[in-house]
Amino acid sequence: HLPARGAAMIRDLGPYAPKRAHKLNPPLLAMLLNGVHDHHKGQVFVLQVGAGSGQVGLPLLQRFQDDGWSGLLIEPLPQNFAELDALHKDSDRVAVLNLGISDVSANLLLHSLSPEADARNRRIPLNRASLIRDRIATPGSAEDDLLAVEVPFLRMDTVLGELGIDSAQLVAINAGGHEAQVLQSFDLAALDPALVMVHSTPDTASDDTCIATLTTAGLYPFRVAGWLMGLAPGRLAVPLEDLLTFFRKGLGATEDEE
């Protein structure tokens, strides 16, 4: 059960089954990020593991550029990190690190597809990387399609201690199947985030571990836009205007005929 960390209560508002549920993902994600922003009056620090190139995936770039957010962005794959570093090289609010995060500190092999193999597989995200080789290999992959690079991995508590970081309003983790180990490398509750986002695969042992870690930290688990979310009760300002506008409940609006 969830620890009693606040007086918030989840209330059942009844069933809702949209015909094309995936269309809800971008606005729901935007509403959650707006909720974090509003609750913290724009003073949002992001701790992101697996930040990629910084231009795809989570819509955080505009938050850093226009909304005054700050953060520590961590990316282990060298080619992704080069783009991430260039993207934020002039920022005094965003720091980037080229390393991996795990529950052990060691040099580990990070697997990815070669540029040529990436180009042939346009349906999958570019520059994916994982410590798990089988997550990267695609059907029909040849041996030379797969690359491996040795990357330093540290525990998150080591990184946070070295940098003097003791809180974060948003924690986002996309670690190629290694998310449970990332979460186990630091005290999530001590950071006291309002929102945690974990790119976890449902119905796996790793996902079960991630859910348990979120609930132990006092967070309510949900799935939104392909992410396992942990919401701190009573810590998000609900953007009701956004929500009602999206569902076309403004004065004079017509109902969605879908």
Protein backbone atom coordinates (compact mmCIF):
# COMPACT_ATOMS: atom_id res chain seq x y z
CA HIS A 1 0.00 0.00 0.00
CA LEU A 2 0.99 3.64 -0.38
CA PRO A 3 2.54 5.37 2.61
CA ALA A 4 0.43 8.18 4.04
CA ARG A 5 2.32 11.18 2.65
CA GLY A 6 -0.57 13.51 2.11
CA ALA A 7 -4.30 13.87 2.41
CA ALA A 8 -4.92 13.37 -1.32
CA MET A 9 -7.48 10.78 -2.35
CA ILE A 10 -7.98 9.17 -5.74
CA ARG A 11 -11.63 9.35 -6.83
CA ASP A 12 -13.15 7.17 -9.54
CA LEU A 13 -14.74 9.40 -12.17
CA GLY A 14 -16.19 6.52 -14.16
CA PRO A 15 -15.07 4.72 -17.33
CA TYR A 16 -13.85 6.47 -20.46
CA ALA A 17 -12.80 4.51 -23.55
CA PRO A 18 -11.81 6.73 -26.50
CA LYS A 19 -11.79 5.14 -29.94
CA ARG A 20 -8.20 6.21 -30.61
CA ALA A 21 -6.62 6.30 -27.17
CA HIS A 22 -3.13 7.10 -28.49
CA LYS A 23 -4.37 10.56 -29.50
CA LEU A 24 -4.72 11.40 -25.81
CA ASN A 25 -1.02 10.83 -25.12
CA PRO A 26 0.53 14.17 -26.19
CA PRO A 27 -2.04 16.37 -24.42
CA LEU A 28 -2.05 14.22 -21.27
CA LEU A 29 1.75 14.38 -21.16
CA ALA A 30 1.66 18.15 -21.69
CA MET A 31 -0.91 18.52 -18.90
CA LEU A 32 1.28 16.57 -16.48
CA LEU A 33 4.31 18.73 -17.29
CA ASN A 34 2.15 21.86 -16.99
CA GLY A 35 1.00 20.61 -13.61
CA VAL A 36 4.59 20.28 -12.39
CA HIS A 37 5.44 23.71 -13.78
CA ASP A 38 2.46 25.43 -12.19
CA HIS A 39 2.79 23.77 -8.79
CA HIS A 40 6.46 24.76 -8.54
CA LYS A 41 5.90 28.20 -10.10
CA GLY A 42 8.32 27.43 -12.90
CA GLN A 43 11.16 26.41 -10.59
CA VAL A 44 11.54 22.90 -12.00
CA PHE A 45 14.76 20.89 -11.85
CA VAL A 46 14.85 17.82 -14.10
CA LEU A 47 16.97 14.75 -13.47
CA GLN A 48 16.99 12.77 -16.72
CA VAL A 49 18.73 9.45 -17.33
CA GLY A 50 18.93 8.42 -20.98
CA ALA A 51 18.37 11.90 -22.39
CA GLY A 52 19.30 10.85 -25.93
CA SER A 53 20.06 13.68 -28.33
CA GLY A 54 17.68 15.98 -26.45
CA GLN A 55 15.46 16.63 -29.45
CA VAL A 56 13.28 13.51 -29.59
CA GLY A 57 11.34 11.60 -26.97
CA LEU A 58 10.08 13.67 -24.07
CA PRO A 59 9.09 17.26 -24.99
CA LEU A 60 11.50 18.91 -22.55
CA LEU A 61 13.59 21.09 -24.85
CA GLN A 62 11.00 23.89 -24.98
CA ARG A 63 10.72 23.74 -21.18
CA PHE A 64 14.45 24.34 -20.86
CA GLN A 65 14.53 27.03 -23.53
CA ASP A 66 11.31 28.93 -22.85
CA ASP A 67 9.96 28.00 -19.42
CA GLY A 68 13.09 28.49 -17.33
CA TRP A 69 13.49 24.84 -16.32
CA SER A 70 16.93 23.58 -15.27
CA GLY A 71 18.35 20.10 -15.07
CA LEU A 72 21.01 17.44 -15.15
CA LEU A 73 20.80 15.37 -18.34
CA ILE A 74 22.71 12.08 -18.48
CA GLU A 75 23.34 10.16 -21.71
CA PRO A 76 25.77 7.24 -22.13
CA LEU A 77 25.89 6.77 -25.94
CA PRO A 78 28.69 9.00 -27.32
CA GLN A 79 26.94 9.99 -30.56
CA ASN A 80 23.77 10.95 -28.70
CA PHE A 81 25.75 12.83 -26.09
CA ALA A 82 27.58 14.86 -28.75
CA GLU A 83 24.23 16.20 -30.01
CA LEU A 84 22.92 16.74 -26.47
CA ASP A 85 26.05 18.65 -25.47
CA ALA A 86 25.87 20.87 -28.57
CA LEU A 87 22.18 21.55 -27.90
CA HIS A 88 22.82 22.90 -24.39
CA LYS A 89 26.38 24.25 -24.75
CA ASP A 90 25.27 27.84 -24.20
CA SER A 91 22.90 27.11 -21.31
CA ASP A 92 23.77 28.02 -17.74
CA ARG A 93 20.79 26.07 -16.38
CA VAL A 94 21.33 22.66 -17.97
CA ALA A 95 24.30 20.37 -17.25
CA VAL A 96 25.04 17.24 -19.30
CA LEU A 97 27.07 14.15 -18.44
CA ASN A 98 28.36 11.41 -20.74
CA LEU A 99 28.02 8.28 -18.60
CA GLY A 100 25.57 5.55 -17.65
CA ILE A 101 23.68 4.97 -14.43
CA SER A 102 23.32 1.59 -12.74
CA ASP A 103 23.20 0.01 -9.31
CA VAL A 104 26.92 -0.75 -9.65
CA SER A 105 29.87 1.44 -10.62
CA ALA A 106 31.80 -0.19 -13.46
CA ASN A 107 32.77 0.07 -17.11
CA LEU A 108 30.06 -1.77 -19.07
CA LEU A 109 29.41 -2.57 -22.73
CA LEU A 110 26.67 -0.47 -24.28
CA HIS A 111 25.13 -1.92 -27.46
CA SER A 112 23.70 0.01 -30.40
CA LEU A 113 23.05 -0.37 -34.13
CA SER A 114 25.52 0.83 -36.73
CA PRO A 115 24.48 3.96 -38.68
CA GLU A 116 23.82 1.78 -41.75
CA ALA A 117 21.57 -0.60 -39.80
CA ASP A 118 19.80 2.34 -38.20
CA ALA A 119 19.06 3.76 -41.66
CA ARG A 120 17.51 0.46 -42.76
CA ASN A 121 15.21 0.31 -39.73
CA ARG A 122 13.32 3.59 -39.93
CA ARG A 123 10.42 2.33 -37.84
CA ILE A 124 12.54 2.24 -34.69
CA PRO A 125 14.04 5.28 -32.95
CA LEU A 126 17.50 6.33 -34.09
CA ASN A 127 20.53 5.68 -31.90
CA ARG A 128 18.88 3.30 -29.47
CA ALA A 129 21.25 1.85 -26.92
CA SER A 130 21.08 -0.79 -24.21
CA LEU A 131 23.25 -2.88 -21.96
CA ILE A 132 21.10 -5.79 -23.16
CA ARG A 133 22.34 -6.84 -26.59
CA ASP A 134 19.13 -8.67 -27.53
CA ARG A 135 17.10 -5.48 -27.11
CA ILE A 136 19.09 -3.83 -29.91
CA ALA A 137 19.35 -6.68 -32.41
CA THR A 138 16.53 -6.55 -34.96
CA PRO A 139 15.20 -9.46 -37.05
CA GLY A 140 17.78 -10.25 -39.72
CA SER A 141 20.56 -8.25 -38.05
CA ALA A 142 24.05 -9.23 -39.16
CA GLU A 143 26.95 -9.34 -36.73
CA ASP A 144 28.46 -6.14 -38.14
CA ASP A 145 25.13 -4.33 -37.68
CA LEU A 146 25.72 -4.29 -33.93
CA LEU A 147 28.19 -2.02 -32.22
CA ALA A 148 29.44 -2.06 -28.65
CA VAL A 149 31.28 0.64 -26.73
CA GLU A 150 32.63 0.52 -23.21
CA VAL A 151 31.07 3.25 -21.09
CA PRO A 152 31.62 4.22 -17.44
CA PHE A 153 28.55 3.59 -15.27
CA LEU A 154 28.07 5.10 -11.81
CA ARG A 155 25.43 4.84 -9.13
CA MET A 156 23.07 7.80 -9.13
CA ASP A 157 23.65 8.48 -5.45
CA THR A 158 27.37 8.91 -6.26
CA VAL A 159 26.60 11.44 -9.02
CA LEU A 160 24.11 13.37 -6.90
CA GLY A 161 26.52 13.47 -3.96
CA GLU A 162 29.40 14.73 -6.10
CA LEU A 163 27.25 17.50 -7.59
CA GLY A 164 25.43 18.41 -4.39
CA ILE A 165 21.97 17.70 -5.81
CA ASP A 166 19.42 16.86 -3.13
CA SER A 167 16.08 17.48 -4.85
CA ALA A 168 14.40 17.23 -8.24
CA GLN A 169 10.86 18.09 -9.25
CA LEU A 170 10.86 15.76 -12.29
CA VAL A 171 12.79 12.51 -12.69
CA ALA A 172 12.78 10.83 -16.11
CA ILE A 173 14.47 7.48 -16.82
CA ASN A 174 14.86 5.75 -20.20
CA ALA A 175 17.65 3.22 -19.83
CA GLY A 176 17.01 0.56 -22.43
CA GLY A 177 15.67 -2.09 -20.06
CA HIS A 178 17.94 -1.08 -17.18
CA GLU A 179 15.41 1.20 -15.49
CA ALA A 180 14.97 -0.92 -12.35
CA GLN A 181 18.71 -0.84 -11.66
CA VAL A 182 18.77 2.94 -12.13
CA LEU A 183 15.96 3.38 -9.61
CA GLN A 184 17.76 1.12 -7.15
CA SER A 185 20.91 3.26 -7.29
CA PHE A 186 19.56 6.18 -5.22
CA ASP A 187 16.94 7.16 -2.66
CA LEU A 188 14.02 8.33 -4.79
CA ALA A 189 11.92 9.48 -1.85
CA ALA A 190 14.76 11.70 -0.60
CA LEU A 191 14.68 13.67 -3.89
CA ASP A 192 10.97 14.32 -3.25
CA PRO A 193 9.90 14.59 -6.93
CA ALA A 194 6.41 15.66 -7.95
CA LEU A 195 6.53 13.43 -11.03
CA VAL A 196 8.65 10.41 -12.03
CA MET A 197 8.60 9.02 -15.57
CA VAL A 198 10.05 5.59 -16.31
CA HIS A 199 10.21 4.11 -19.82
CA SER A 200 9.41 0.62 -18.61
CA THR A 201 8.05 -2.40 -20.50
CA PRO A 202 4.73 -3.61 -19.02
CA ASP A 203 4.36 -7.17 -17.74
CA THR A 204 8.06 -7.71 -17.09
CA ALA A 205 9.92 -8.40 -13.88
CA SER A 206 11.77 -5.11 -14.31
CA ASP A 207 8.46 -3.24 -14.61
CA ASP A 208 7.16 -4.90 -11.44
CA THR A 209 10.31 -3.75 -9.62
CA CYS A 210 9.88 -0.19 -10.93
CA ILE A 211 6.27 -0.07 -9.77
CA ALA A 212 7.28 -1.33 -6.33
CA THR A 213 10.01 1.31 -6.10
CA LEU A 214 7.59 4.10 -7.03
CA THR A 215 4.97 3.01 -4.51
CA THR A 216 7.57 2.59 -1.76
CA ALA A 217 8.59 6.20 -2.41
CA GLY A 218 4.98 7.31 -1.84
CA LEU A 219 4.07 7.81 -5.51
CA TYR A 220 0.89 6.72 -7.30
CA PRO A 221 1.74 4.62 -10.41
CA PHE A 222 -0.05 5.22 -13.73
CA ARG A 223 0.67 4.56 -17.41
CA VAL A 224 0.55 7.56 -19.70
CA ALA A 225 1.91 7.97 -23.22
CA GLY A 226 4.00 4.80 -23.05
CA TRP A 227 5.57 5.77 -19.72
CA LEU A 228 5.20 4.36 -16.24
CA MET A 229 4.40 7.46 -14.19
CA GLY A 230 4.78 8.03 -10.48
CA LEU A 231 2.68 10.97 -9.23
CA ALA A 232 3.19 12.50 -5.82
CA PRO A 233 -0.22 12.99 -4.17
CA GLY A 234 -1.21 16.61 -3.83
CA ARG A 235 1.91 17.85 -5.62
CA LEU A 236 0.62 18.67 -9.10
CA ALA A 237 -1.37 21.78 -9.87
CA VAL A 238 -4.17 20.41 -12.03
CA PRO A 239 -4.45 22.43 -15.30
CA LEU A 240 -8.23 22.16 -15.47
CA GLU A 241 -8.49 24.80 -18.20
CA ASP A 242 -6.19 22.69 -20.40
CA LEU A 243 -8.16 19.55 -19.63
CA LEU A 244 -11.60 21.03 -20.28
CA THR A 245 -10.44 22.76 -23.46
CA PHE A 246 -8.99 19.51 -24.78
CA PHE A 247 -12.30 17.74 -24.22
CA ARG A 248 -14.10 20.67 -25.89
CA LYS A 249 -16.07 21.73 -22.85
CA GLY A 250 -15.63 25.45 -23.41
CA LEU A 251 -18.68 27.70 -23.76
CA GLY A 252 -20.24 27.23 -27.16
CA ALA A 253 -18.02 24.28 -28.08
CA THR A 254 -19.58 21.34 -29.88
CA GLU A 255 -19.11 17.80 -28.67
CA ASP A 256 -16.54 15.64 -30.44
CA GLU A 257 -18.50 13.50 -32.86
CA GLU A 258 -16.02 10.66 -32.48
